[in-house]
C-alpha atoms as a PDB file:
ATOM      1  CA  MET A   1       0.012   0.034  -0.041  1.00  0.00           C
ATOM      2  CA  LEU A   2       2.712   2.423  -0.981  1.00  0.00           C
ATOM      3  CA  SER A   3       1.553   5.782  -2.361  1.00  0.00           C
ATOM      4  CA  SER A   4       4.512   8.283  -2.293  1.00  0.00           C
ATOM      5  CA  LYS A   5       8.247   8.648  -2.336  1.00  0.00           C
ATOM      6  CA  ASN A   6      10.195   7.703   0.811  1.00  0.00           C
ATOM      7  CA  GLU A   7       7.297   5.721   2.310  1.00  0.00           C
ATOM      8  CA  LEU A   8       8.408   2.659   4.215  1.00  0.00           C
ATOM      9  CA  HIS A   9       6.145  -0.312   4.842  1.00  0.00           C
ATOM     10  CA  ALA A  10       7.121  -2.988   7.317  1.00  0.00           C
ATOM     11  CA  ALA A  11       4.864  -5.856   8.518  1.00  0.00           C
ATOM     12  CA  ALA A  12       5.232  -8.964  10.731  1.00  0.00           C
ATOM     13  CA  HIS A  13       2.691 -11.750  10.816  1.00  0.00           C
ATOM     14  CA  ILE A  14       2.106 -15.131  12.443  1.00  0.00           C
ATOM     15  CA  SER A  15      -0.171 -17.850  11.097  1.00  0.00           C
ATOM     16  CA  LEU A  16      -2.366 -20.425  12.978  1.00  0.00           C
ATOM     17  CA  LYS A  17       0.256 -23.072  12.177  1.00  0.00           C
ATOM     18  CA  GLY A  18       3.132 -21.138  13.596  1.00  0.00           C
ATOM     19  CA  ASN A  19       4.588 -19.664  10.459  1.00  0.00           C
ATOM     20  CA  THR A  20       6.119 -16.283  11.120  1.00  0.00           C
ATOM     21  CA  SER A  21       6.883 -13.851   8.241  1.00  0.00           C
ATOM     22  CA  PHE A  22       7.926 -10.332   7.563  1.00  0.00           C
ATOM     23  CA  ASN A  23       7.254  -8.142   4.564  1.00  0.00           C
ATOM     24  CA  SER A  24       8.905  -4.773   3.796  1.00  0.00           C
ATOM     25  CA  ALA A  25       8.830  -2.270   0.932  1.00  0.00           C
ATOM     26  CA  TYR A  26      10.434   1.118   0.348  1.00  0.00           C
ATOM     27  CA  ALA A  27       9.293   3.662  -2.224  1.00  0.00           C
ATOM     28  CA  VAL A  28      12.433   4.939  -4.008  1.00  0.00           C
ATOM     29  CA  SER A  29      10.269   7.365  -5.979  1.00  0.00           C
ATOM     30  CA  ASP A  30       6.615   8.294  -6.414  1.00  0.00           C
ATOM     31  CA  HIS A  31       6.074   5.166  -8.504  1.00  0.00           C
ATOM     32  CA  PHE A  32       8.878   2.621  -8.002  1.00  0.00           C
ATOM     33  CA  ALA A  33       9.645   0.544  -4.935  1.00  0.00           C
ATOM     34  CA  ILE A  34      11.889  -2.328  -3.678  1.00  0.00           C
ATOM     35  CA  LEU A  35      10.852  -5.274  -1.555  1.00  0.00           C
ATOM     36  CA  LEU A  36      12.393  -7.621   1.026  1.00  0.00           C
ATOM     37  CA  ASN A  37      10.339 -10.489   2.393  1.00  0.00           C
ATOM     38  CA  GLY A  38      11.111 -13.623   4.485  1.00  0.00           C
ATOM     39  CA  SER A  39       9.355 -16.437   6.441  1.00  0.00           C
ATOM     40  CA  ILE A  40      10.286 -19.069   8.938  1.00  0.00           C
ATOM     41  CA  MET A  41       8.238 -22.105   9.996  1.00  0.00           C
ATOM     42  CA  ASN A  42       8.998 -24.914  12.533  1.00  0.00           C
ATOM     43  CA  ASN A  43       6.176 -27.325  13.096  1.00  0.00           C
ATOM     44  CA  ASP A  44       6.814 -30.390  15.158  1.00  0.00           C
ATOM     45  CA  LYS A  45       4.205 -33.106  15.595  1.00  0.00           C
ATOM     46  CA  ASN A  46       4.248 -36.776  16.759  1.00  0.00           C
ATOM     47  CA  ARG A  47       4.299 -38.166  13.180  1.00  0.00           C
ATOM     48  CA  LYS A  48       5.829 -35.438  11.172  1.00  0.00           C
ATOM     49  CA  ASP A  49       8.186 -32.470  11.649  1.00  0.00           C
ATOM     50  CA  PHE A  50       8.348 -29.678   9.044  1.00  0.00           C
ATOM     51  CA  SER A  51      10.638 -26.641   8.848  1.00  0.00           C
ATOM     52  CA  HIS A  52      10.887 -24.000   6.173  1.00  0.00           C
ATOM     53  CA  ASN A  53      12.978 -20.856   5.517  1.00  0.00           C
ATOM     54  CA  LEU A  54      12.604 -18.413   2.671  1.00  0.00           C
ATOM     55  CA  LEU A  55      14.096 -14.990   1.735  1.00  0.00           C
ATOM     56  CA  GLU A  56      13.088 -12.965  -1.278  1.00  0.00           C
ATOM     57  CA  THR A  57      13.615  -9.620  -2.872  1.00  0.00           C
ATOM     58  CA  GLY A  58      12.068  -7.764  -5.741  1.00  0.00           C
ATOM     59  CA  ALA A  59      11.114  -4.415  -7.248  1.00  0.00           C
ATOM     60  CA  GLY A  60       8.066  -2.919  -8.974  1.00  0.00           C
ATOM     61  CA  TYR A  61       5.704  -0.106  -9.895  1.00  0.00           C
ATOM     62  CA  PHE A  62       2.880   1.430  -7.878  1.00  0.00           C
ATOM     63  CA  THR A  63       0.322   4.149  -8.564  1.00  0.00           C
ATOM     64  CA  THR A  64      -2.734   5.714  -6.861  1.00  0.00           C
ATOM     65  CA  LEU A  65      -6.137   5.728  -8.500  1.00  0.00           C
ATOM     66  CA  GLY A  66      -9.557   7.305  -8.050  1.00  0.00           C
ATOM     67  CA  PRO A  67     -10.703  10.836  -7.528  1.00  0.00           C
ATOM     68  CA  ASP A  68      -9.468  10.796  -3.983  1.00  0.00           C
ATOM     69  CA  LYS A  69      -6.253   8.951  -4.802  1.00  0.00           C
ATOM     70  CA  ASN A  70      -7.024   6.394  -2.115  1.00  0.00           C
ATOM     71  CA  ARG A  71      -6.938   3.350  -4.313  1.00  0.00           C
ATOM     72  CA  ILE A  72      -3.520   1.664  -4.989  1.00  0.00           C
ATOM     73  CA  LEU A  73      -2.402  -0.589  -7.714  1.00  0.00           C
ATOM     74  CA  GLU A  74       1.047  -2.280  -7.355  1.00  0.00           C
ATOM     75  CA  ILE A  75       2.937  -4.691  -9.690  1.00  0.00           C
ATOM     76  CA  TYR A  76       6.099  -6.377  -8.456  1.00  0.00           C
ATOM     77  CA  GLY A  77       8.509  -9.016  -9.670  1.00  0.00           C
ATOM     78  CA  GLY A  78      11.375 -10.740  -7.896  1.00  0.00           C
ATOM     79  CA  PHE A  79      13.262 -13.877  -6.886  1.00  0.00           C
ATOM     80  CA  GLY A  80      14.123 -15.809  -3.723  1.00  0.00           C
ATOM     81  CA  LYS A  81      15.846 -18.729  -2.261  1.00  0.00           C
ATOM     82  CA  GLY A  82      14.894 -21.163   0.573  1.00  0.00           C
ATOM     83  CA  ASN A  83      15.080 -24.626   2.046  1.00  0.00           C
ATOM     84  CA  SER A  84      12.754 -27.009   3.745  1.00  0.00           C
ATOM     85  CA  GLU A  85      12.946 -30.351   5.788  1.00  0.00           C
ATOM     86  CA  ARG A  86      10.316 -32.937   6.322  1.00  0.00           C
ATOM     87  CA  ILE A  87      10.817 -35.761   8.915  1.00  0.00           C
ATOM     88  CA  TYR A  88       8.320 -38.637   8.990  1.00  0.00           C
ATOM     89  CA  LYS A  89       8.443 -40.623  12.320  1.00  0.00           C
ATOM     90  CA  GLN A  90       6.991 -43.758  13.692  1.00  0.00           C
ATOM     91  CA  ASP A  91       3.975 -43.782  16.105  1.00  0.00           C
ATOM     92  CA  SER A  92       6.259 -43.336  19.111  1.00  0.00           C
ATOM     93  CA  GLY A  93       7.663 -40.143  17.646  1.00  0.00           C
ATOM     94  CA  THR A  94      11.299 -41.159  18.415  1.00  0.00           C
ATOM     95  CA  LEU A  95      12.456 -43.172  15.336  1.00  0.00           C
ATOM     96  CA  ILE A  96      12.807 -41.449  12.017  1.00  0.00           C
ATOM     97  CA  GLU A  97      11.394 -43.325   8.997  1.00  0.00           C
ATOM     98  CA  GLU A  98      12.170 -40.800   6.273  1.00  0.00           C
ATOM     99  CA  ARG A  99      13.921 -37.356   6.081  1.00  0.00           C
ATOM    100  CA  GLN A 100      13.268 -35.192   3.035  1.00  0.00           C
ATOM    101  CA  GLU A 101      15.654 -32.175   2.559  1.00  0.00           C
ATOM    102  CA  THR A 102      15.140 -29.568  -0.156  1.00  0.00           C
ATOM    103  CA  SER A 103      16.760 -26.334  -1.301  1.00  0.00           C
ATOM    104  CA  PHE A 104      14.950 -24.283  -3.938  1.00  0.00           C
ATOM    105  CA  GLY A 105      14.894 -21.017  -5.960  1.00  0.00           C
ATOM    106  CA  LYS A 106      11.789 -19.142  -6.994  1.00  0.00           C
ATOM    107  CA  THR A 107      10.722 -16.220  -9.222  1.00  0.00           C
ATOM    108  CA  PHE A 108       7.447 -14.438  -8.788  1.00  0.00           C
ATOM    109  CA  LEU A 109       5.067 -11.875 -10.259  1.00  0.00           C
ATOM    110  CA  GLN A 110       2.652 -10.140  -7.941  1.00  0.00           C
ATOM    111  CA  VAL A 111      -0.195  -7.678  -8.472  1.00  0.00           C
ATOM    112  CA  ASN A 112      -1.816  -5.882  -5.466  1.00  0.00           C
ATOM    113  CA  TYR A 113      -4.917  -3.742  -5.331  1.00  0.00           C
ATOM    114  CA  SER A 114      -6.000  -2.035  -2.145  1.00  0.00           C
ATOM    115  CA  SER A 115      -7.936   0.951  -0.871  1.00  0.00           C
ATOM    116  CA  LYS A 116      -7.253   3.214   2.059  1.00  0.00           C
ATOM    117  CA  ARG A 117      -9.847   4.580   4.588  1.00  0.00           C
ATOM    118  CA  MET A 118     -12.976   3.284   2.853  1.00  0.00           C
ATOM    119  CA  LYS A 119     -14.964   2.349   5.889  1.00  0.00           C
ATOM    120  CA  THR A 120     -14.766   2.942   9.744  1.00  0.00           C
ATOM    121  CA  LEU A 121     -15.262   0.562  12.550  1.00  0.00           C
ATOM    122  CA  ASN A 122     -16.792   2.082  15.730  1.00  0.00           C
ATOM    123  CA  LEU A 123     -15.212   0.447  18.821  1.00  0.00           C
ATOM    124  CA  PHE A 124     -15.136   1.349  22.497  1.00  0.00           C
ATOM    125  CA  GLY A 125     -16.192   4.943  21.650  1.00  0.00           C
ATOM    126  CA  ALA A 126     -13.530   5.474  18.961  1.00  0.00           C
ATOM    127  CA  ARG A 127     -13.560   5.196  15.114  1.00  0.00           C
ATOM    128  CA  PHE A 128     -10.992   3.066  13.461  1.00  0.00           C
ATOM    129  CA  PRO A 129     -10.458   3.380   9.649  1.00  0.00           C
ATOM    130  CA  LEU A 130     -10.567  -0.008   7.787  1.00  0.00           C
ATOM    131  CA  ASN A 131      -8.544  -0.704   4.597  1.00  0.00           C
ATOM    132  CA  TYR A 132      -9.113  -3.633   2.187  1.00  0.00           C
ATOM    133  CA  GLY A 133      -7.006  -5.251  -0.357  1.00  0.00           C
ATOM    134  CA  THR A 134      -6.177  -8.292  -2.401  1.00  0.00           C
ATOM    135  CA  ALA A 135      -3.028  -9.697  -4.013  1.00  0.00           C
ATOM    136  CA  LEU A 136      -2.439 -12.305  -6.724  1.00  0.00           C
ATOM    137  CA  ARG A 137       0.933 -13.842  -6.975  1.00  0.00           C
ATOM    138  CA  ILE A 138       2.223 -16.301  -9.563  1.00  0.00           C
ATOM    139  CA  SER A 139       5.487 -18.126  -8.583  1.00  0.00           C
ATOM    140  CA  HIS A 140       7.794 -20.559 -10.346  1.00  0.00           C
ATOM    141  CA  VAL A 141       9.654 -22.757  -7.807  1.00  0.00           C
ATOM    142  CA  LYS A 142      12.390 -25.179  -8.798  1.00  0.00           C
ATOM    143  CA  MET A 143      14.343 -27.516  -6.629  1.00  0.00           C
ATOM    144  CA  ASN A 144      18.141 -26.955  -6.582  1.00  0.00           C
ATOM    145  CA  LYS A 145      18.706 -30.018  -4.356  1.00  0.00           C
ATOM    146  CA  PHE A 146      16.443 -32.835  -3.170  1.00  0.00           C
ATOM    147  CA  THR A 147      17.407 -35.763  -0.988  1.00  0.00           C
ATOM    148  CA  ILE A 148      15.521 -38.422   0.853  1.00  0.00           C
ATOM    149  CA  ASN A 149      17.520 -40.059   3.639  1.00  0.00           C
ATOM    150  CA  ASP A 150      20.696 -38.382   2.114  1.00  0.00           C
ATOM    151  CA  LEU A 151      20.181 -40.033  -1.186  1.00  0.00           C
ATOM    152  CA  ALA A 152      19.774 -37.692  -4.252  1.00  0.00           C
ATOM    153  CA  GLN A 153      16.334 -37.667  -5.981  1.00  0.00           C
ATOM    154  CA  VAL A 154      14.924 -36.327  -9.156  1.00  0.00           C
ATOM    155  CA  LYS A 155      14.317 -32.636  -8.760  1.00  0.00           C
ATOM    156  CA  GLU A 156      10.916 -31.088  -9.445  1.00  0.00           C
ATOM    157  CA  ASP A 157       9.522 -27.756 -10.306  1.00  0.00           C
ATOM    158  CA  ASN A 158       5.982 -26.202 -10.097  1.00  0.00           C
ATOM    159  CA  ILE A 159       4.044 -23.054 -10.768  1.00  0.00           C
ATOM    160  CA  PHE A 160       1.884 -21.766  -7.879  1.00  0.00           C
ATOM    161  CA  VAL A 161      -1.053 -19.398  -8.026  1.00  0.00           C
ATOM    162  CA  GLU A 162      -1.586 -17.569  -4.693  1.00  0.00           C
ATOM    163  CA  PRO A 163      -4.651 -15.321  -4.091  1.00  0.00           C
ATOM    164  CA  VAL A 164      -4.492 -13.337  -0.830  1.00  0.00           C
ATOM    165  CA  PHE A 165      -7.182 -11.083   0.830  1.00  0.00           C
ATOM    166  CA  PHE A 166      -6.525  -8.739   3.701  1.00  0.00           C
ATOM    167  CA  THR A 167      -8.282  -6.331   6.032  1.00  0.00           C
ATOM    168  CA  ARG A 168      -6.378  -3.680   7.966  1.00  0.00           C
ATOM    169  CA  MET A 169      -7.594  -1.664  10.937  1.00  0.00           C
ATOM    170  CA  ALA A 170      -5.720   1.624  11.652  1.00  0.00           C
ATOM    171  CA  ILE A 171      -4.980   1.864  15.421  1.00  0.00           C
ATOM    172  CA  SER A 172      -2.682   4.912  15.139  1.00  0.00           C
ATOM    173  CA  ARG A 173      -1.386   7.166  12.291  1.00  0.00           C
ATOM    174  CA  THR A 174       1.376   4.709  11.432  1.00  0.00           C
ATOM    175  CA  VAL A 175       0.328   1.285  12.925  1.00  0.00           C
ATOM    176  CA  GLN A 176      -2.397  -1.012  11.572  1.00  0.00           C
ATOM    177  CA  LEU A 177      -3.592  -4.495  12.641  1.00  0.00           C
ATOM    178  CA  GLN A 178      -3.930  -6.856   9.685  1.00  0.00           C
ATOM    179  CA  TYR A 179      -5.950 -10.084   9.126  1.00  0.00           C
ATOM    180  CA  THR A 180      -4.998 -12.131   6.067  1.00  0.00           C
ATOM    181  CA  SER A 181      -6.493 -15.128   4.390  1.00  0.00           C
ATOM    182  CA  GLY A 182      -5.050 -16.860   1.271  1.00  0.00           C
ATOM    183  CA  SER A 183      -4.771 -20.096  -0.758  1.00  0.00           C
ATOM    184  CA  ASN A 184      -2.195 -21.869  -2.878  1.00  0.00           C
ATOM    185  CA  PHE A 185      -2.739 -23.804  -6.067  1.00  0.00           C
ATOM    186  CA  GLY A 186      -0.134 -25.767  -7.920  1.00  0.00           C
ATOM    187  CA  LEU A 187      -0.561 -25.906 -11.792  1.00  0.00           C
ATOM    188  CA  LYS A 188       1.658 -28.906 -12.271  1.00  0.00           C
ATOM    189  CA  ASN A 189       0.986 -32.512 -11.015  1.00  0.00           C
ATOM    190  CA  ARG A 190       4.014 -33.221  -8.825  1.00  0.00           C
ATOM    191  CA  LYS A 191       4.617 -35.849  -6.112  1.00  0.00           C
ATOM    192  CA  PHE A 192       6.649 -33.730  -3.682  1.00  0.00           C
ATOM    193  CA  LEU A 193       6.592 -30.069  -4.796  1.00  0.00           C
ATOM    194  CA  THR A 194       2.876 -29.453  -4.200  1.00  0.00           C
ATOM    195  CA  ALA A 195       0.788 -26.616  -3.016  1.00  0.00           C
ATOM    196  CA  GLY A 196       0.297 -26.007   0.719  1.00  0.00           C
ATOM    197  CA  SER A 197      -2.891 -25.506   2.666  1.00  0.00           C
ATOM    198  CA  SER A 198      -4.811 -22.224   3.091  1.00  0.00           C
ATOM    199  CA  VAL A 199      -3.208 -19.710   5.312  1.00  0.00           C
ATOM    200  CA  LEU A 200      -4.794 -17.511   8.002  1.00  0.00           C
ATOM    201  CA  SER A 201      -2.584 -14.993   9.780  1.00  0.00           C
ATOM    202  CA  VAL A 202      -2.709 -11.833  12.005  1.00  0.00           C
ATOM    203  CA  GLY A 203      -0.029  -9.233  12.257  1.00  0.00           C
ATOM    204  CA  LEU A 204       1.017  -5.604  12.665  1.00  0.00           C
ATOM    205  CA  VAL A 205       1.839  -3.270   9.742  1.00  0.00           C
ATOM    206  CA  ILE A 206       3.803  -0.063  10.152  1.00  0.00           C
ATOM    207  CA  ASN A 207       3.804   2.670   7.430  1.00  0.00           C
ATOM    208  CA  VAL A 208       6.103   5.730   7.918  1.00  0.00           C
ATOM    209  CA  GLY A 209       7.421   8.471   5.638  1.00  0.00           C
ATOM    210  CA  GLY A 210       5.955   9.682   2.449  1.00  0.00           C
ATOM    211  CA  LYS A 211       3.769  12.747   2.065  1.00  0.00           C
ATOM    212  CA  ASN A 212       0.386  10.979   2.691  1.00  0.00           C
ATOM    213  CA  ASN A 213       1.421   9.528   6.034  1.00  0.00           C
ATOM    214  CA  ALA A 214       3.002  12.725   7.189  1.00  0.00           C
ATOM    215  CA  SER A 215      -0.012  14.951   6.388  1.00  0.00           C
ATOM    216  CA  THR A 216      -3.152  12.738   6.644  1.00  0.00           C
ATOM    217  CA  PRO A 217      -4.724  12.488  10.208  1.00  0.00           C
ATOM    218  CA  ALA A 218      -7.395  10.129   9.093  1.00  0.00           C
ATOM    219  CA  ASN A 219      -5.483   7.041  10.198  1.00  0.00           C
ATOM    220  CA  THR A 220      -5.713   8.164  13.802  1.00  0.00           C
ATOM    221  CA  PRO A 221      -8.660   6.682  15.865  1.00  0.00           C
ATOM    222  CA  ILE A 222     -11.107   9.454  16.616  1.00  0.00           C
ATOM    223  CA  PRO A 223     -12.856   9.462  20.104  1.00  0.00           C
END
């Protein structure tokens, strides 16, 4: 949701499955921005352990739309690298039956559309502006290394389509609370490199800098 030069966006989220992520973007001009994103997941269960690490960067174009310039269209592209590990265990959870280790690279194209201060939530005698948005990402992920029990396997690739929807509630001029829901669909039939489950997450978003954030008091809750 960048709208002007020198605006900085930073967000941290946690999902119901314990996946933590950060997203950041900086507007180097009134229409161009750079991105830096990452995520970490460690999910241990009796029969299966899963860990995941990802770091990605990118750049793109953004512009404001509408008579009030409160609608934002963003188009970004980039690349990233990561690794994952899956461990399948016996019923007791102590003996390992299979260990899958993967390193991968990815490229992505993402389109975001959002609106600022379209509605207001009245809560505890104060008014909190609500923002809505959606993002559609298409990613190509390719294994660089894939082993099962330390033995090399045939590497796979896949193309993923990831629609995401979010709602943000402004709790101050620069801080917003965000709820996100999203899905993941793989376009290729693969045995190991498949789409994950739907994602629900909550987090905090901070926007500072830029002429809109510096001069617009509408983000502040009103008693």
